[in-house]
């Protein structure tokens, strides 16, 4: 069953994009962290124990971070596809400028050739019709 798009999901788009960037940084950091461990082993050439150092990379958190990032990317993709499918060109442009590109309503209105009040009303009517 396909999950229904909501105003909240569209409004969350910018936050999801920022979280994806944060997760990318955390994954990169975890991949570059080096864990150093010392241990004793028996040196079979001499028969005496000696200390060796082992270096390991990665973190157990990486799969969890990647899973979370994948989920957020899917949510963003759903919002993008939903907005791309909006039939009215003006509404679609306003939604892209405001929610995908992160512009203010005033900037989005200017880019589409409408006043702030007109653009705000168009977006408001769109969300009311979504319900």
N, C-alpha and C. Protein backbone atom coordinates (compact mmCIF):
# COMPACT_ATOMS: atom_id res chain seq x y z
N UNK A 1 0.84 -1.18 0.00
CA UNK A 1 0.00 0.00 0.00
C UNK A 1 0.89 1.24 0.00
N UNK A 2 0.60 2.15 -0.90
CA UNK A 2 1.40 3.36 -1.03
C UNK A 2 1.02 4.37 0.05
N UNK A 3 2.04 4.94 0.68
CA UNK A 3 1.82 5.90 1.73
C UNK A 3 1.41 7.24 1.14
N UNK A 4 0.42 7.87 1.75
CA UNK A 4 -0.11 9.13 1.23
C UNK A 4 0.82 10.30 1.59
N UNK A 5 0.97 11.21 0.63
CA UNK A 5 1.78 12.40 0.85
C UNK A 5 1.00 13.38 1.73
N UNK A 6 1.73 14.04 2.61
CA UNK A 6 1.11 15.02 3.50
C UNK A 6 1.89 16.34 3.45
N UNK A 7 1.25 17.38 3.93
CA UNK A 7 1.90 18.68 4.01
C UNK A 7 3.16 18.58 4.87
N UNK A 8 3.07 17.87 5.96
CA UNK A 8 4.20 17.70 6.88
C UNK A 8 5.39 17.06 6.19
N UNK A 9 5.13 16.03 5.39
CA UNK A 9 6.22 15.36 4.69
C UNK A 9 6.91 16.31 3.70
N UNK A 10 6.11 17.11 3.01
CA UNK A 10 6.68 18.07 2.07
C UNK A 10 7.50 19.12 2.83
N UNK A 11 6.96 19.61 3.94
CA UNK A 11 7.67 20.62 4.73
C UNK A 11 8.96 20.07 5.34
N UNK A 12 9.04 18.77 5.55
CA UNK A 12 10.22 18.14 6.15
C UNK A 12 11.37 17.95 5.17
N UNK A 13 11.12 18.17 3.88
CA UNK A 13 12.10 17.87 2.84
C UNK A 13 13.48 18.49 3.14
N UNK A 14 13.52 19.76 3.43
CA UNK A 14 14.80 20.44 3.70
C UNK A 14 15.51 19.84 4.91
N UNK A 15 14.76 19.53 5.94
CA UNK A 15 15.36 18.91 7.13
C UNK A 15 15.91 17.52 6.82
N UNK A 16 15.21 16.78 5.98
CA UNK A 16 15.68 15.45 5.59
C UNK A 16 16.98 15.56 4.80
N UNK A 17 17.06 16.54 3.90
CA UNK A 17 18.28 16.73 3.12
C UNK A 17 19.47 17.06 4.04
N UNK A 18 19.24 17.92 5.02
CA UNK A 18 20.31 18.25 5.97
C UNK A 18 20.72 17.03 6.79
N UNK A 19 19.75 16.22 7.17
CA UNK A 19 20.07 15.01 7.94
C UNK A 19 20.87 14.02 7.09
N UNK A 20 20.56 13.93 5.81
CA UNK A 20 21.33 13.05 4.91
C UNK A 20 22.78 13.52 4.85
N UNK A 21 23.00 14.82 4.77
CA UNK A 21 24.37 15.36 4.76
C UNK A 21 25.08 15.01 6.07
N UNK A 22 24.36 15.14 7.19
CA UNK A 22 24.93 14.80 8.49
C UNK A 22 25.31 13.31 8.54
N UNK A 23 24.42 12.45 8.04
CA UNK A 23 24.69 11.01 8.04
C UNK A 23 25.88 10.69 7.15
N UNK A 24 25.99 11.36 6.00
CA UNK A 24 27.17 11.16 5.13
C UNK A 24 28.45 11.46 5.91
N UNK A 25 28.44 12.55 6.66
CA UNK A 25 29.62 12.92 7.45
C UNK A 25 29.91 11.88 8.53
N UNK A 26 28.86 11.38 9.18
CA UNK A 26 29.05 10.36 10.21
C UNK A 26 29.58 9.06 9.62
N UNK A 27 29.07 8.67 8.46
CA UNK A 27 29.54 7.45 7.80
C UNK A 27 31.00 7.60 7.41
N UNK A 28 31.35 8.73 6.82
CA UNK A 28 32.74 8.98 6.43
C UNK A 28 33.66 8.96 7.64
N UNK A 29 33.22 9.58 8.71
CA UNK A 29 34.02 9.60 9.93
C UNK A 29 34.21 8.19 10.48
N UNK A 30 33.14 7.41 10.50
CA UNK A 30 33.23 6.03 11.02
C UNK A 30 34.12 5.17 10.13
N UNK A 31 34.07 5.40 8.81
CA UNK A 31 34.90 4.62 7.89
C UNK A 31 36.38 4.97 8.05
N UNK A 32 36.67 6.21 8.45
CA UNK A 32 38.05 6.65 8.57
C UNK A 32 38.63 6.49 9.96
N UNK A 33 37.76 6.17 10.93
CA UNK A 33 38.26 5.94 12.28
C UNK A 33 39.07 4.65 12.30
N UNK A 34 40.20 4.71 12.93
CA UNK A 34 41.07 3.55 13.01
C UNK A 34 41.12 3.10 14.46
N UNK A 35 40.84 1.85 14.68
CA UNK A 35 40.88 1.30 16.03
C UNK A 35 42.17 0.52 16.18
N UNK A 36 42.92 0.84 17.21
CA UNK A 36 44.20 0.17 17.44
C UNK A 36 44.07 -0.68 18.70
N UNK A 37 44.48 -1.96 18.59
CA UNK A 37 44.39 -2.88 19.70
C UNK A 37 45.73 -3.59 19.84
N UNK A 38 46.19 -3.73 21.08
CA UNK A 38 47.44 -4.48 21.33
C UNK A 38 47.08 -5.82 21.96
N UNK A 39 47.85 -6.84 21.62
CA UNK A 39 47.59 -8.17 22.16
C UNK A 39 48.90 -8.95 22.21
N UNK A 40 48.91 -10.00 23.04
CA UNK A 40 50.07 -10.89 23.12
C UNK A 40 49.80 -12.10 22.25
N UNK A 41 50.82 -12.50 21.54
CA UNK A 41 50.74 -13.74 20.76
C UNK A 41 52.03 -14.51 20.96
N UNK A 42 52.01 -15.78 20.71
CA UNK A 42 53.21 -16.59 20.83
C UNK A 42 53.97 -16.54 19.50
N UNK A 43 55.21 -16.14 19.58
CA UNK A 43 56.08 -16.10 18.41
C UNK A 43 56.64 -17.50 18.24
N UNK A 44 56.16 -18.23 17.24
CA UNK A 44 56.56 -19.63 17.07
C UNK A 44 58.01 -19.78 16.65
N UNK A 45 58.63 -18.72 16.17
CA UNK A 45 60.05 -18.84 15.80
C UNK A 45 60.94 -18.84 17.04
N UNK A 46 60.47 -18.19 18.13
CA UNK A 46 61.28 -18.14 19.35
C UNK A 46 60.64 -18.89 20.50
N UNK A 47 59.33 -19.08 20.44
CA UNK A 47 58.62 -19.75 21.52
C UNK A 47 58.21 -18.82 22.65
N UNK A 48 58.49 -17.55 22.52
CA UNK A 48 58.15 -16.57 23.55
C UNK A 48 56.99 -15.67 23.09
N UNK A 49 56.20 -15.21 24.07
CA UNK A 49 55.13 -14.28 23.70
C UNK A 49 55.72 -12.93 23.26
N UNK A 50 55.05 -12.29 22.36
CA UNK A 50 55.46 -10.94 21.98
C UNK A 50 54.19 -10.12 21.74
N UNK A 51 54.34 -8.82 21.90
CA UNK A 51 53.21 -7.91 21.71
C UNK A 51 53.11 -7.55 20.23
N UNK A 52 51.87 -7.63 19.73
CA UNK A 52 51.63 -7.16 18.36
C UNK A 52 50.52 -6.11 18.41
N UNK A 53 50.51 -5.29 17.42
CA UNK A 53 49.48 -4.26 17.32
C UNK A 53 48.60 -4.56 16.11
N UNK A 54 47.31 -4.55 16.33
CA UNK A 54 46.35 -4.78 15.25
C UNK A 54 45.62 -3.47 14.97
N UNK A 55 45.42 -3.19 13.73
CA UNK A 55 44.67 -2.00 13.35
C UNK A 55 43.42 -2.45 12.59
N UNK A 56 42.29 -1.87 12.97
CA UNK A 56 41.04 -2.21 12.30
C UNK A 56 40.29 -0.95 11.89
N UNK A 57 39.52 -1.05 10.85
CA UNK A 57 38.76 0.09 10.36
C UNK A 57 37.27 -0.20 10.46
N UNK A 58 36.51 0.89 10.50
CA UNK A 58 35.08 0.75 10.46
C UNK A 58 34.44 0.79 11.83
N UNK A 59 33.16 0.64 11.79
CA UNK A 59 32.39 0.73 13.01
C UNK A 59 31.14 -0.12 12.83
N UNK A 60 30.66 -0.63 13.92
CA UNK A 60 29.41 -1.38 13.86
C UNK A 60 28.23 -0.47 13.57
N UNK A 61 28.42 0.84 13.73
CA UNK A 61 27.34 1.79 13.49
C UNK A 61 27.12 2.05 12.00
N UNK A 62 28.10 1.74 11.17
CA UNK A 62 28.00 2.06 9.74
C UNK A 62 26.75 1.46 9.09
N UNK A 63 26.45 0.18 9.25
CA UNK A 63 25.24 -0.36 8.60
C UNK A 63 23.96 0.36 9.05
N UNK A 64 23.89 0.70 10.33
CA UNK A 64 22.71 1.42 10.85
C UNK A 64 22.61 2.81 10.22
N UNK A 65 23.74 3.51 10.11
CA UNK A 65 23.75 4.84 9.51
C UNK A 65 23.35 4.78 8.03
N UNK A 66 23.87 3.78 7.34
CA UNK A 66 23.55 3.62 5.91
C UNK A 66 22.06 3.30 5.74
N UNK A 67 21.53 2.46 6.61
CA UNK A 67 20.10 2.12 6.56
C UNK A 67 19.23 3.36 6.77
N UNK A 68 19.61 4.18 7.76
CA UNK A 68 18.86 5.42 8.03
C UNK A 68 18.94 6.38 6.84
N UNK A 69 20.13 6.51 6.28
CA UNK A 69 20.32 7.40 5.12
C UNK A 69 19.46 6.93 3.94
N UNK A 70 19.43 5.63 3.69
CA UNK A 70 18.64 5.07 2.60
C UNK A 70 17.16 5.37 2.79
N UNK A 71 16.69 5.25 4.03
CA UNK A 71 15.29 5.54 4.33
C UNK A 71 14.97 7.01 4.07
N UNK A 72 15.85 7.89 4.51
CA UNK A 72 15.63 9.33 4.30
C UNK A 72 15.67 9.69 2.82
N UNK A 73 16.58 9.07 2.08
CA UNK A 73 16.65 9.31 0.63
C UNK A 73 15.36 8.88 -0.06
N UNK A 74 14.78 7.78 0.39
CA UNK A 74 13.51 7.31 -0.17
C UNK A 74 12.38 8.30 0.14
N UNK A 75 12.38 8.85 1.36
CA UNK A 75 11.37 9.85 1.72
C UNK A 75 11.51 11.10 0.85
N UNK A 76 12.75 11.54 0.64
CA UNK A 76 12.99 12.71 -0.21
C UNK A 76 12.56 12.43 -1.64
N UNK A 77 12.87 11.25 -2.13
CA UNK A 77 12.49 10.88 -3.48
C UNK A 77 10.97 10.88 -3.64
N UNK A 78 10.26 10.41 -2.63
CA UNK A 78 8.79 10.39 -2.68
C UNK A 78 8.24 11.81 -2.77
N UNK A 79 8.81 12.73 -2.00
CA UNK A 79 8.37 14.13 -2.05
C UNK A 79 8.65 14.72 -3.44
N UNK A 80 9.85 14.48 -3.95
CA UNK A 80 10.21 15.00 -5.27
C UNK A 80 9.27 14.47 -6.35
N UNK A 81 8.99 13.18 -6.32
CA UNK A 81 8.09 12.58 -7.31
C UNK A 81 6.67 13.14 -7.19
N UNK A 82 6.23 13.34 -5.96
CA UNK A 82 4.90 13.88 -5.74
C UNK A 82 4.80 15.29 -6.33
N UNK A 83 5.79 16.12 -6.03
CA UNK A 83 5.76 17.49 -6.54
C UNK A 83 5.87 17.50 -8.06
N UNK A 84 6.71 16.65 -8.63
CA UNK A 84 6.84 16.57 -10.09
C UNK A 84 5.53 16.20 -10.76
N UNK A 85 4.68 15.46 -10.06
CA UNK A 85 3.41 15.00 -10.62
C UNK A 85 2.28 16.02 -10.48
N UNK A 86 2.52 17.13 -9.78
CA UNK A 86 1.48 18.16 -9.63
C UNK A 86 1.18 18.73 -11.02
N UNK A 87 -0.10 18.74 -11.38
CA UNK A 87 -0.49 19.14 -12.74
C UNK A 87 -0.30 20.62 -13.01
N UNK A 88 -0.65 21.46 -12.07
CA UNK A 88 -0.58 22.91 -12.28
C UNK A 88 0.86 23.39 -12.25
N UNK A 89 1.31 23.98 -13.34
CA UNK A 89 2.71 24.41 -13.47
C UNK A 89 3.10 25.45 -12.42
N UNK A 90 2.22 26.41 -12.15
CA UNK A 90 2.55 27.46 -11.17
C UNK A 90 2.69 26.85 -9.79
N UNK A 91 1.77 25.99 -9.42
CA UNK A 91 1.83 25.34 -8.11
C UNK A 91 3.11 24.50 -8.02
N UNK A 92 3.38 23.73 -9.06
CA UNK A 92 4.57 22.89 -9.07
C UNK A 92 5.84 23.73 -8.92
N UNK A 93 5.93 24.83 -9.66
CA UNK A 93 7.10 25.70 -9.56
C UNK A 93 7.24 26.29 -8.16
N UNK A 94 6.13 26.75 -7.60
CA UNK A 94 6.18 27.33 -6.25
C UNK A 94 6.64 26.27 -5.23
N UNK A 95 6.12 25.06 -5.37
CA UNK A 95 6.50 23.99 -4.44
C UNK A 95 7.98 23.65 -4.59
N UNK A 96 8.47 23.58 -5.83
CA UNK A 96 9.89 23.27 -6.04
C UNK A 96 10.75 24.37 -5.44
N UNK A 97 10.45 25.63 -5.77
CA UNK A 97 11.27 26.73 -5.24
C UNK A 97 11.23 26.77 -3.72
N UNK A 98 10.05 26.61 -3.15
CA UNK A 98 9.90 26.74 -1.69
C UNK A 98 10.46 25.52 -0.95
N UNK A 99 10.07 24.33 -1.34
CA UNK A 99 10.40 23.15 -0.53
C UNK A 99 11.63 22.39 -1.01
N UNK A 100 11.83 22.28 -2.31
CA UNK A 100 12.98 21.54 -2.81
C UNK A 100 14.23 22.43 -2.80
N UNK A 101 14.09 23.66 -3.28
CA UNK A 101 15.23 24.57 -3.36
C UNK A 101 15.43 25.40 -2.09
N UNK A 102 14.45 25.41 -1.20
CA UNK A 102 14.60 26.07 0.09
C UNK A 102 14.45 27.60 0.06
N UNK A 103 13.81 28.12 -0.98
CA UNK A 103 13.59 29.57 -1.07
C UNK A 103 12.46 29.99 -0.15
N UNK A 104 12.40 31.27 0.15
CA UNK A 104 11.26 31.80 0.90
C UNK A 104 10.07 31.89 -0.04
N UNK A 105 8.87 32.04 0.51
CA UNK A 105 7.69 32.21 -0.34
C UNK A 105 7.85 33.47 -1.20
N UNK A 106 8.38 34.52 -0.62
CA UNK A 106 8.59 35.76 -1.37
C UNK A 106 9.52 35.57 -2.55
N UNK A 107 10.64 34.87 -2.34
CA UNK A 107 11.58 34.61 -3.43
C UNK A 107 10.94 33.70 -4.48
N UNK A 108 10.25 32.66 -4.03
CA UNK A 108 9.59 31.74 -4.96
C UNK A 108 8.54 32.49 -5.78
N UNK A 109 7.77 33.36 -5.13
CA UNK A 109 6.75 34.15 -5.83
C UNK A 109 7.37 35.01 -6.91
N UNK A 110 8.45 35.67 -6.57
CA UNK A 110 9.13 36.54 -7.52
C UNK A 110 9.65 35.73 -8.72
N UNK A 111 10.20 34.56 -8.47
CA UNK A 111 10.73 33.72 -9.54
C UNK A 111 9.64 33.23 -10.49
N UNK A 112 8.42 33.09 -9.98
CA UNK A 112 7.30 32.60 -10.78
C UNK A 112 6.48 33.76 -11.35
N UNK A 113 6.72 34.97 -10.87
CA UNK A 113 6.01 36.14 -11.39
C UNK A 113 4.73 36.47 -10.67
N UNK A 114 4.65 36.11 -9.41
CA UNK A 114 3.47 36.38 -8.59
C UNK A 114 3.88 37.21 -7.38
N UNK A 115 2.88 37.81 -6.74
CA UNK A 115 3.17 38.54 -5.50
C UNK A 115 3.28 37.53 -4.36
N UNK A 116 3.84 37.99 -3.25
CA UNK A 116 3.97 37.14 -2.06
C UNK A 116 2.61 36.61 -1.65
N UNK A 117 1.61 37.50 -1.58
CA UNK A 117 0.27 37.11 -1.13
C UNK A 117 -0.36 36.08 -2.07
N UNK A 118 -0.19 36.29 -3.38
CA UNK A 118 -0.75 35.33 -4.34
C UNK A 118 -0.09 33.96 -4.17
N UNK A 119 1.21 33.96 -4.08
CA UNK A 119 1.95 32.69 -3.95
C UNK A 119 1.57 31.97 -2.66
N UNK A 120 1.51 32.72 -1.57
CA UNK A 120 1.14 32.12 -0.29
C UNK A 120 -0.25 31.50 -0.37
N UNK A 121 -1.16 32.20 -1.00
CA UNK A 121 -2.53 31.70 -1.14
C UNK A 121 -2.58 30.46 -2.04
N UNK A 122 -1.83 30.47 -3.13
CA UNK A 122 -1.80 29.31 -4.04
C UNK A 122 -1.31 28.07 -3.29
N UNK A 123 -0.24 28.23 -2.52
CA UNK A 123 0.31 27.11 -1.75
C UNK A 123 -0.68 26.65 -0.68
N UNK A 124 -1.31 27.61 -0.02
CA UNK A 124 -2.29 27.30 1.02
C UNK A 124 -3.47 26.51 0.44
N UNK A 125 -3.99 26.95 -0.70
CA UNK A 125 -5.11 26.26 -1.34
C UNK A 125 -4.68 24.85 -1.76
N UNK A 126 -3.46 24.73 -2.28
CA UNK A 126 -2.95 23.41 -2.68
C UNK A 126 -2.97 22.45 -1.49
N UNK A 127 -2.46 22.89 -0.34
CA UNK A 127 -2.40 22.01 0.83
C UNK A 127 -3.81 21.71 1.37
N UNK A 128 -4.72 22.67 1.28
CA UNK A 128 -6.10 22.42 1.72
C UNK A 128 -6.75 21.36 0.84
N UNK A 129 -6.43 21.38 -0.45
CA UNK A 129 -7.02 20.39 -1.38
C UNK A 129 -6.38 19.02 -1.21
N UNK A 130 -5.19 18.95 -0.62
CA UNK A 130 -4.54 17.66 -0.39
C UNK A 130 -5.28 16.83 0.65
N UNK A 131 -5.93 17.50 1.58
CA UNK A 131 -6.56 16.79 2.72
C UNK A 131 -7.65 15.86 2.29
